[in-house]
Amino acid sequence: MKVKVRYFASLREALGPGEDVDAPAGATMSLLRDLLIARSDTHAAALARGRALRCALDQALCDESALVRDGAEVAFFPPVTGG
């Protein structure tokens, strides 16, 4: 399935505004994060498991257990972002 990933604040500085990702059916936000971490060293550093990040699914905050659907928009950002 196709998912649109968006990055904000320091993640946007490291990874750019976003990217389209192919994810398996039934993927969770956690699995999607792991797929992104595996993309490159830059992704691994920015999205590292030891780093506190917030996530949103279709513009609503969620936790990493949320199921992602085909065509969804997901976002990752630090817990505190500037205006």
C-alpha atoms as a PDB file:
ATOM      1  CA  MET A   1       0.000   0.000   0.000  1.00  0.00           C
ATOM      2  CA  LYS A   2       1.093   3.592  -0.606  1.00  0.00           C
ATOM      3  CA  VAL A   3       1.541   5.973   2.328  1.00  0.00           C
ATOM      4  CA  LYS A   4       2.512   9.665   2.295  1.00  0.00           C
ATOM      5  CA  VAL A   5       5.015  10.415   5.070  1.00  0.00           C
ATOM      6  CA  ARG A   6       5.586  13.999   6.227  1.00  0.00           C
ATOM      7  CA  TYR A   7       8.336  15.258   8.526  1.00  0.00           C
ATOM      8  CA  PHE A   8       8.331  18.360  10.713  1.00  0.00           C
ATOM      9  CA  ALA A   9      10.819  20.493  12.676  1.00  0.00           C
ATOM     10  CA  SER A  10      14.270  18.891  13.044  1.00  0.00           C
ATOM     11  CA  LEU A  11      13.138  15.781  11.141  1.00  0.00           C
ATOM     12  CA  ARG A  12      12.255  17.950   8.161  1.00  0.00           C
ATOM     13  CA  GLU A  13      15.712  19.530   8.322  1.00  0.00           C
ATOM     14  CA  ALA A  14      17.335  16.085   8.271  1.00  0.00           C
ATOM     15  CA  LEU A  15      15.032  14.205   5.883  1.00  0.00           C
ATOM     16  CA  GLY A  16      13.203  16.818   3.825  1.00  0.00           C
ATOM     17  CA  PRO A  17       9.478  17.573   3.780  1.00  0.00           C
ATOM     18  CA  GLY A  18       8.346  14.017   3.173  1.00  0.00           C
ATOM     19  CA  GLU A  19       8.265  11.000   0.931  1.00  0.00           C
ATOM     20  CA  ASP A  20       5.982   8.326  -0.458  1.00  0.00           C
ATOM     21  CA  VAL A  21       6.468   4.882   1.063  1.00  0.00           C
ATOM     22  CA  ASP A  22       5.325   1.395   0.126  1.00  0.00           C
ATOM     23  CA  ALA A  23       4.202  -0.464   3.240  1.00  0.00           C
ATOM     24  CA  PRO A  24       2.714  -3.936   3.660  1.00  0.00           C
ATOM     25  CA  ALA A  25      -1.020  -4.293   4.289  1.00  0.00           C
ATOM     26  CA  GLY A  26      -1.822  -4.241   7.999  1.00  0.00           C
ATOM     27  CA  ALA A  27       1.237  -2.139   8.861  1.00  0.00           C
ATOM     28  CA  THR A  28       1.261  -0.178  12.089  1.00  0.00           C
ATOM     29  CA  MET A  29       2.932   3.156  12.689  1.00  0.00           C
ATOM     30  CA  SER A  30       5.666   1.233  14.517  1.00  0.00           C
ATOM     31  CA  LEU A  31       6.370  -0.986  11.506  1.00  0.00           C
ATOM     32  CA  LEU A  32       6.344   2.041   9.225  1.00  0.00           C
ATOM     33  CA  ARG A  33       8.903   3.757  11.460  1.00  0.00           C
ATOM     34  CA  ASP A  34      11.093   0.631  11.309  1.00  0.00           C
ATOM     35  CA  LEU A  35      10.830   0.564   7.494  1.00  0.00           C
ATOM     36  CA  LEU A  36      11.898   4.205   7.368  1.00  0.00           C
ATOM     37  CA  ILE A  37      14.798   3.606   9.782  1.00  0.00           C
ATOM     38  CA  ALA A  38      16.072   0.904   7.406  1.00  0.00           C
ATOM     39  CA  ARG A  39      16.088   3.294   4.410  1.00  0.00           C
ATOM     40  CA  SER A  40      19.384   5.056   5.153  1.00  0.00           C
ATOM     41  CA  ASP A  41      21.820   6.095   7.846  1.00  0.00           C
ATOM     42  CA  THR A  42      20.215   9.552   7.866  1.00  0.00           C
ATOM     43  CA  HIS A  43      16.765   8.025   8.424  1.00  0.00           C
ATOM     44  CA  ALA A  44      18.184   5.747  11.120  1.00  0.00           C
ATOM     45  CA  ALA A  45      19.673   8.689  13.024  1.00  0.00           C
ATOM     46  CA  ALA A  46      16.625  10.945  12.679  1.00  0.00           C
ATOM     47  CA  LEU A  47      14.013   8.285  13.546  1.00  0.00           C
ATOM     48  CA  ALA A  48      16.082   6.205  16.002  1.00  0.00           C
ATOM     49  CA  ARG A  49      14.141   4.149  18.526  1.00  0.00           C
ATOM     50  CA  GLY A  50      15.892   5.884  21.436  1.00  0.00           C
ATOM     51  CA  ARG A  51      14.655   9.254  20.222  1.00  0.00           C
ATOM     52  CA  ALA A  52      11.311  10.554  21.492  1.00  0.00           C
ATOM     53  CA  LEU A  53       9.018  11.291  18.550  1.00  0.00           C
ATOM     54  CA  ARG A  54       5.313  11.976  18.142  1.00  0.00           C
ATOM     55  CA  CYS A  55       3.295  10.645  15.256  1.00  0.00           C
ATOM     56  CA  ALA A  56       0.028  11.454  13.559  1.00  0.00           C
ATOM     57  CA  LEU A  57      -2.216   9.501  11.221  1.00  0.00           C
ATOM     58  CA  ASP A  58      -4.390  11.530   8.849  1.00  0.00           C
ATOM     59  CA  GLN A  59      -3.725  14.670  10.918  1.00  0.00           C
ATOM     60  CA  ALA A  60      -4.734  13.120  14.270  1.00  0.00           C
ATOM     61  CA  LEU A  61      -2.181  12.297  16.959  1.00  0.00           C
ATOM     62  CA  CYS A  62      -1.813   8.561  17.476  1.00  0.00           C
ATOM     63  CA  ASP A  63       0.477   6.042  19.074  1.00  0.00           C
ATOM     64  CA  GLU A  64       2.671   3.588  17.197  1.00  0.00           C
ATOM     65  CA  SER A  65       0.119   0.775  17.491  1.00  0.00           C
ATOM     66  CA  ALA A  66      -2.257   2.596  15.082  1.00  0.00           C
ATOM     67  CA  LEU A  67      -2.975   0.740  11.850  1.00  0.00           C
ATOM     68  CA  VAL A  68      -2.048   2.541   8.649  1.00  0.00           C
ATOM     69  CA  ARG A  69      -4.384   2.284   5.655  1.00  0.00           C
ATOM     70  CA  ASP A  70      -3.647   2.630   1.965  1.00  0.00           C
ATOM     71  CA  GLY A  71      -3.439   6.291   0.961  1.00  0.00           C
ATOM     72  CA  ALA A  72      -2.940   7.504   4.537  1.00  0.00           C
ATOM     73  CA  GLU A  73      -0.932  10.573   5.438  1.00  0.00           C
ATOM     74  CA  VAL A  74       1.376  10.022   8.382  1.00  0.00           C
ATOM     75  CA  ALA A  75       3.615  12.503  10.130  1.00  0.00           C
ATOM     76  CA  PHE A  76       6.557  12.290  12.488  1.00  0.00           C
ATOM     77  CA  PHE A  77       7.789  15.181  14.619  1.00  0.00           C
ATOM     78  CA  PRO A  78       9.651  15.886  17.866  1.00  0.00           C
ATOM     79  CA  PRO A  79       7.505  16.196  21.029  1.00  0.00           C
ATOM     80  CA  VAL A  80       8.006  19.984  21.072  1.00  0.00           C
ATOM     81  CA  THR A  81       8.046  21.966  17.852  1.00  0.00           C
ATOM     82  CA  GLY A  82       8.380  25.665  17.246  1.00  0.00           C
ATOM     83  CA  GLY A  83       5.889  27.919  15.489  1.00  0.00           C
END
